[in-house]
PDB file of all heavy atoms in Angstrom:
ATOM      1  N   VAL A   1      -2.383   3.864  -7.159  1.00  0.00           N
ATOM      2  CA  VAL A   1      -2.667   4.598  -5.933  1.00  0.00           C
ATOM      3  C   VAL A   1      -1.707   4.149  -4.841  1.00  0.00           C
ATOM      4  O   VAL A   1      -1.531   2.947  -4.604  1.00  0.00           O
ATOM      5  CB  VAL A   1      -4.122   4.381  -5.475  1.00  0.00           C
ATOM      6  CG1 VAL A   1      -4.362   5.023  -4.112  1.00  0.00           C
ATOM      7  CG2 VAL A   1      -5.092   4.959  -6.497  1.00  0.00           C
ATOM      8  N   TYR A   2      -1.090   5.107  -4.170  1.00  0.00           N
ATOM      9  CA  TYR A   2      -0.212   4.856  -3.041  1.00  0.00           C
ATOM     10  C   TYR A   2      -0.856   5.442  -1.797  1.00  0.00           C
ATOM     11  O   TYR A   2      -1.184   6.643  -1.765  1.00  0.00           O
ATOM     12  CB  TYR A   2       1.164   5.477  -3.273  1.00  0.00           C
ATOM     13  CG  TYR A   2       1.881   4.916  -4.479  1.00  0.00           C
ATOM     14  CD1 TYR A   2       1.594   5.363  -5.764  1.00  0.00           C
ATOM     15  CD2 TYR A   2       2.835   3.917  -4.322  1.00  0.00           C
ATOM     16  CE1 TYR A   2       2.238   4.837  -6.871  1.00  0.00           C
ATOM     17  CE2 TYR A   2       3.498   3.386  -5.427  1.00  0.00           C
ATOM     18  CZ  TYR A   2       3.186   3.850  -6.700  1.00  0.00           C
ATOM     19  OH  TYR A   2       3.830   3.318  -7.799  1.00  0.00           O
ATOM     20  N   GLY A   3      -1.076   4.601  -0.785  1.00  0.00           N
ATOM     21  CA  GLY A   3      -1.673   5.067   0.450  1.00  0.00           C
ATOM     22  C   GLY A   3      -0.609   5.403   1.473  1.00  0.00           C
ATOM     23  O   GLY A   3       0.452   4.770   1.517  1.00  0.00           O
ATOM     24  N   SER A   4      -0.876   6.392   2.326  1.00  0.00           N
ATOM     25  CA  SER A   4       0.135   6.817   3.285  1.00  0.00           C
ATOM     26  C   SER A   4       0.464   5.740   4.308  1.00  0.00           C
ATOM     27  O   SER A   4       1.523   5.789   4.948  1.00  0.00           O
ATOM     28  CB  SER A   4      -0.336   8.089   4.008  1.00  0.00           C
ATOM     29  OG  SER A   4      -1.546   7.860   4.684  1.00  0.00           O
ATOM     30  N   ALA A   5      -0.400   4.723   4.482  1.00  0.00           N
ATOM     31  CA  ALA A   5      -0.110   3.636   5.418  1.00  0.00           C
ATOM     32  C   ALA A   5       0.765   2.547   4.805  1.00  0.00           C
ATOM     33  O   ALA A   5       1.154   1.604   5.495  1.00  0.00           O
ATOM     34  CB  ALA A   5      -1.403   3.016   5.926  1.00  0.00           C
ATOM     35  N   GLY A   6       1.059   2.657   3.477  1.00  0.00           N
ATOM     36  CA  GLY A   6       1.982   1.709   2.862  1.00  0.00           C
ATOM     37  C   GLY A   6       1.429   0.887   1.723  1.00  0.00           C
ATOM     38  O   GLY A   6       2.175   0.151   1.069  1.00  0.00           O
ATOM     39  N   ALA A   7       0.129   0.990   1.435  1.00  0.00           N
ATOM     40  CA  ALA A   7      -0.462   0.167   0.374  1.00  0.00           C
ATOM     41  C   ALA A   7      -0.171   0.740  -1.012  1.00  0.00           C
ATOM     42  O   ALA A   7      -0.209   1.953  -1.214  1.00  0.00           O
ATOM     43  CB  ALA A   7      -1.967   0.052   0.579  1.00  0.00           C
ATOM     44  N   LYS A   8       0.112  -0.160  -1.975  1.00  0.00           N
ATOM     45  CA  LYS A   8       0.220   0.188  -3.387  1.00  0.00           C
ATOM     46  C   LYS A   8      -0.880  -0.564  -4.121  1.00  0.00           C
ATOM     47  O   LYS A   8      -0.938  -1.794  -4.064  1.00  0.00           O
ATOM     48  CB  LYS A   8       1.590  -0.191  -3.931  1.00  0.00           C
ATOM     49  CG  LYS A   8       1.794   0.109  -5.423  1.00  0.00           C
ATOM     50  CD  LYS A   8       3.192  -0.295  -5.865  1.00  0.00           C
ATOM     51  CE  LYS A   8       3.442  -0.008  -7.338  1.00  0.00           C
ATOM     52  NZ  LYS A   8       4.811  -0.403  -7.759  1.00  0.00           N
ATOM     53  N   LEU A   9      -1.775   0.175  -4.811  1.00  0.00           N
ATOM     54  CA  LEU A   9      -2.985  -0.421  -5.364  1.00  0.00           C
ATOM     55  C   LEU A   9      -3.117  -0.162  -6.848  1.00  0.00           C
ATOM     56  O   LEU A   9      -2.721   0.896  -7.352  1.00  0.00           O
ATOM     57  CB  LEU A   9      -4.230   0.170  -4.680  1.00  0.00           C
ATOM     58  CG  LEU A   9      -4.325   0.155  -3.152  1.00  0.00           C
ATOM     59  CD1 LEU A   9      -5.530   0.965  -2.701  1.00  0.00           C
ATOM     60  CD2 LEU A   9      -4.416  -1.271  -2.649  1.00  0.00           C
ATOM     61  N   ASP A  10      -3.680  -1.153  -7.539  1.00  0.00           N
ATOM     62  CA  ASP A  10      -4.261  -0.922  -8.859  1.00  0.00           C
ATOM     63  C   ASP A  10      -5.728  -0.592  -8.590  1.00  0.00           C
ATOM     64  O   ASP A  10      -6.508  -1.474  -8.202  1.00  0.00           O
ATOM     65  CB  ASP A  10      -4.150  -2.168  -9.722  1.00  0.00           C
ATOM     66  CG  ASP A  10      -4.787  -1.975 -11.092  1.00  0.00           C
ATOM     67  OD1 ASP A  10      -5.495  -0.958 -11.300  1.00  0.00           O
ATOM     68  OD2 ASP A  10      -4.607  -2.851 -11.958  1.00  0.00           O
ATOM     69  N   PRO A  11      -6.138   0.679  -8.742  1.00  0.00           N
ATOM     70  CA  PRO A  11      -7.477   1.069  -8.306  1.00  0.00           C
ATOM     71  C   PRO A  11      -8.610   0.523  -9.165  1.00  0.00           C
ATOM     72  O   PRO A  11      -9.765   0.571  -8.747  1.00  0.00           O
ATOM     73  CB  PRO A  11      -7.433   2.597  -8.377  1.00  0.00           C
ATOM     74  CG  PRO A  11      -6.423   2.888  -9.437  1.00  0.00           C
ATOM     75  CD  PRO A  11      -5.396   1.811  -9.324  1.00  0.00           C
ATOM     76  N   THR A  12      -8.301  -0.003 -10.353  1.00  0.00           N
ATOM     77  CA  THR A  12      -9.381  -0.487 -11.219  1.00  0.00           C
ATOM     78  C   THR A  12     -10.054  -1.717 -10.636  1.00  0.00           C
ATOM     79  O   THR A  12     -11.182  -2.034 -10.968  1.00  0.00           O
ATOM     80  CB  THR A  12      -8.841  -0.806 -12.622  1.00  0.00           C
ATOM     81  OG1 THR A  12      -7.792  -1.783 -12.521  1.00  0.00           O
ATOM     82  CG2 THR A  12      -8.292   0.459 -13.265  1.00  0.00           C
ATOM     83  N   GLY A  13      -9.367  -2.449  -9.767  1.00  0.00           N
ATOM     84  CA  GLY A  13      -9.943  -3.640  -9.136  1.00  0.00           C
ATOM     85  C   GLY A  13     -10.934  -3.332  -8.020  1.00  0.00           C
ATOM     86  O   GLY A  13     -12.109  -3.660  -8.137  1.00  0.00           O
ATOM     87  N   PRO A  14     -10.475  -2.714  -6.941  1.00  0.00           N
ATOM     88  CA  PRO A  14      -9.065  -2.427  -6.668  1.00  0.00           C
ATOM     89  C   PRO A  14      -8.304  -3.677  -6.242  1.00  0.00           C
ATOM     90  O   PRO A  14      -8.865  -4.599  -5.649  1.00  0.00           O
ATOM     91  CB  PRO A  14      -9.139  -1.412  -5.525  1.00  0.00           C
ATOM     92  CG  PRO A  14     -10.401  -1.748  -4.818  1.00  0.00           C
ATOM     93  CD  PRO A  14     -11.361  -2.251  -5.841  1.00  0.00           C
ATOM     94  N   THR A  15      -7.002  -3.688  -6.566  1.00  0.00           N
ATOM     95  CA  THR A  15      -6.152  -4.833  -6.252  1.00  0.00           C
ATOM     96  C   THR A  15      -4.920  -4.363  -5.499  1.00  0.00           C
ATOM     97  O   THR A  15      -4.242  -3.416  -5.940  1.00  0.00           O
ATOM     98  CB  THR A  15      -5.709  -5.539  -7.547  1.00  0.00           C
ATOM     99  OG1 THR A  15      -6.867  -5.924  -8.295  1.00  0.00           O
ATOM    100  CG2 THR A  15      -4.871  -6.757  -7.227  1.00  0.00           C
ATOM    101  N   LEU A  16      -4.626  -5.013  -4.392  1.00  0.00           N
ATOM    102  CA  LEU A  16      -3.430  -4.687  -3.628  1.00  0.00           C
ATOM    103  C   LEU A  16      -2.212  -5.274  -4.330  1.00  0.00           C
ATOM    104  O   LEU A  16      -2.110  -6.489  -4.509  1.00  0.00           O
ATOM    105  CB  LEU A  16      -3.537  -5.229  -2.201  1.00  0.00           C
ATOM    106  CG  LEU A  16      -2.327  -4.969  -1.289  1.00  0.00           C
ATOM    107  CD1 LEU A  16      -2.156  -3.473  -1.039  1.00  0.00           C
ATOM    108  CD2 LEU A  16      -2.486  -5.723   0.029  1.00  0.00           C
ATOM    109  N   LEU A  17      -1.261  -4.426  -4.729  1.00  0.00           N
ATOM    110  CA  LEU A  17      -0.059  -4.871  -5.427  1.00  0.00           C
ATOM    111  C   LEU A  17       1.097  -5.151  -4.481  1.00  0.00           C
ATOM    112  O   LEU A  17       2.053  -5.828  -4.850  1.00  0.00           O
ATOM    113  CB  LEU A  17       0.370  -3.803  -6.445  1.00  0.00           C
ATOM    114  CG  LEU A  17      -0.668  -3.451  -7.515  1.00  0.00           C
ATOM    115  CD1 LEU A  17      -0.140  -2.359  -8.430  1.00  0.00           C
ATOM    116  CD2 LEU A  17      -1.065  -4.679  -8.317  1.00  0.00           C
ATOM    117  N   GLY A  18       1.012  -4.642  -3.281  1.00  0.00           N
ATOM    118  CA  GLY A  18       2.068  -4.850  -2.302  1.00  0.00           C
ATOM    119  C   GLY A  18       1.999  -3.794  -1.220  1.00  0.00           C
ATOM    120  O   GLY A  18       1.205  -2.854  -1.290  1.00  0.00           O
ATOM    121  N   THR A  19       2.843  -3.970  -0.199  1.00  0.00           N
ATOM    122  CA  THR A  19       2.858  -3.050   0.931  1.00  0.00           C
ATOM    123  C   THR A  19       4.285  -2.670   1.282  1.00  0.00           C
ATOM    124  O   THR A  19       5.170  -3.535   1.344  1.00  0.00           O
ATOM    125  CB  THR A  19       2.191  -3.682   2.172  1.00  0.00           C
ATOM    126  OG1 THR A  19       0.845  -4.065   1.841  1.00  0.00           O
ATOM    127  CG2 THR A  19       2.167  -2.711   3.334  1.00  0.00           C
ATOM    128  N   TYR A  20       4.507  -1.384   1.479  1.00  0.00           N
ATOM    129  CA  TYR A  20       5.794  -0.891   1.940  1.00  0.00           C
ATOM    130  C   TYR A  20       5.798  -1.029   3.461  1.00  0.00           C
ATOM    131  O   TYR A  20       5.210  -0.221   4.188  1.00  0.00           O
ATOM    132  CB  TYR A  20       5.988   0.563   1.509  1.00  0.00           C
ATOM    133  CG  TYR A  20       5.958   0.728   0.003  1.00  0.00           C
ATOM    134  CD1 TYR A  20       4.771   1.036  -0.666  1.00  0.00           C
ATOM    135  CD2 TYR A  20       7.101   0.537  -0.760  1.00  0.00           C
ATOM    136  CE1 TYR A  20       4.731   1.183  -2.039  1.00  0.00           C
ATOM    137  CE2 TYR A  20       7.079   0.675  -2.149  1.00  0.00           C
ATOM    138  CZ  TYR A  20       5.886   0.993  -2.781  1.00  0.00           C
ATOM    139  OH  TYR A  20       5.845   1.120  -4.162  1.00  0.00           O
ATOM    140  N   GLU A  21       6.436  -2.102   3.927  1.00  0.00           N
ATOM    141  CA  GLU A  21       6.365  -2.449   5.340  1.00  0.00           C
ATOM    142  C   GLU A  21       7.175  -1.479   6.193  1.00  0.00           C
ATOM    143  O   GLU A  21       8.258  -1.039   5.809  1.00  0.00           O
ATOM    144  CB  GLU A  21       6.894  -3.879   5.565  1.00  0.00           C
ATOM    145  CG  GLU A  21       6.081  -4.956   4.853  1.00  0.00           C
ATOM    146  CD  GLU A  21       4.688  -5.139   5.457  1.00  0.00           C
ATOM    147  OE1 GLU A  21       4.440  -4.588   6.543  1.00  0.00           O
ATOM    148  OE2 GLU A  21       3.866  -5.836   4.825  1.00  0.00           O
ATOM    149  N   SER A  22       6.641  -1.179   7.381  1.00  0.00           N
ATOM    150  CA  SER A  22       7.300  -0.256   8.296  1.00  0.00           C
ATOM    151  C   SER A  22       8.452  -0.952   9.014  1.00  0.00           C
ATOM    152  O   SER A  22       8.262  -2.029   9.575  1.00  0.00           O
ATOM    153  CB  SER A  22       6.304   0.264   9.337  1.00  0.00           C
ATOM    154  OG  SER A  22       5.202   0.870   8.708  1.00  0.00           O
ATOM    155  N   PRO A  23       9.650  -0.339   9.019  1.00  0.00           N
ATOM    156  CA  PRO A  23      10.750  -0.929   9.789  1.00  0.00           C
ATOM    157  C   PRO A  23      10.510  -0.827  11.289  1.00  0.00           C
ATOM    158  O   PRO A  23      10.989  -1.646  12.066  1.00  0.00           O
ATOM    159  CB  PRO A  23      11.961  -0.100   9.364  1.00  0.00           C
ATOM    160  CG  PRO A  23      11.383   1.192   8.879  1.00  0.00           C
ATOM    161  CD  PRO A  23      10.049   0.858   8.292  1.00  0.00           C
ATOM    162  N   THR A  24       9.767   0.191  11.713  1.00  0.00           N
ATOM    163  CA  THR A  24       9.354   0.354  13.110  1.00  0.00           C
ATOM    164  C   THR A  24       7.945   0.906  13.106  1.00  0.00           C
ATOM    165  O   THR A  24       7.487   1.462  12.109  1.00  0.00           O
ATOM    166  CB  THR A  24      10.268   1.329  13.869  1.00  0.00           C
ATOM    167  OG1 THR A  24      10.202   2.619  13.237  1.00  0.00           O
ATOM    168  CG2 THR A  24      11.702   0.843  13.887  1.00  0.00           C
ATOM    169  N   PHE A  25       7.262   0.772  14.223  1.00  0.00           N
ATOM    170  CA  PHE A  25       5.915   1.322  14.282  1.00  0.00           C
ATOM    171  C   PHE A  25       5.976   2.847  14.315  1.00  0.00           C
ATOM    172  O   PHE A  25       6.710   3.432  15.089  1.00  0.00           O
ATOM    173  CB  PHE A  25       5.164   0.832  15.527  1.00  0.00           C
ATOM    174  CG  PHE A  25       3.818   1.486  15.679  1.00  0.00           C
ATOM    175  CD1 PHE A  25       2.742   1.065  14.922  1.00  0.00           C
ATOM    176  CD2 PHE A  25       3.650   2.545  16.563  1.00  0.00           C
ATOM    177  CE1 PHE A  25       1.502   1.685  15.038  1.00  0.00           C
ATOM    178  CE2 PHE A  25       2.418   3.167  16.692  1.00  0.00           C
ATOM    179  CZ  PHE A  25       1.339   2.726  15.931  1.00  0.00           C
ATOM    180  N   SER A  26       5.214   3.473  13.456  1.00  0.00           N
ATOM    181  CA  SER A  26       5.135   4.930  13.449  1.00  0.00           C
ATOM    182  C   SER A  26       3.892   5.336  12.684  1.00  0.00           C
ATOM    183  O   SER A  26       3.497   4.672  11.720  1.00  0.00           O
ATOM    184  CB  SER A  26       6.376   5.552  12.808  1.00  0.00           C
ATOM    185  OG  SER A  26       6.292   6.954  12.845  1.00  0.00           O
TER     186      SER A  26
END
């Protein structure tokens, strides 16, 4: 699962696999 705020998840946990960090606030 990819969330529009930047989270990448394994939903079976759910477990956070990482975050696509914003270069600027938006």
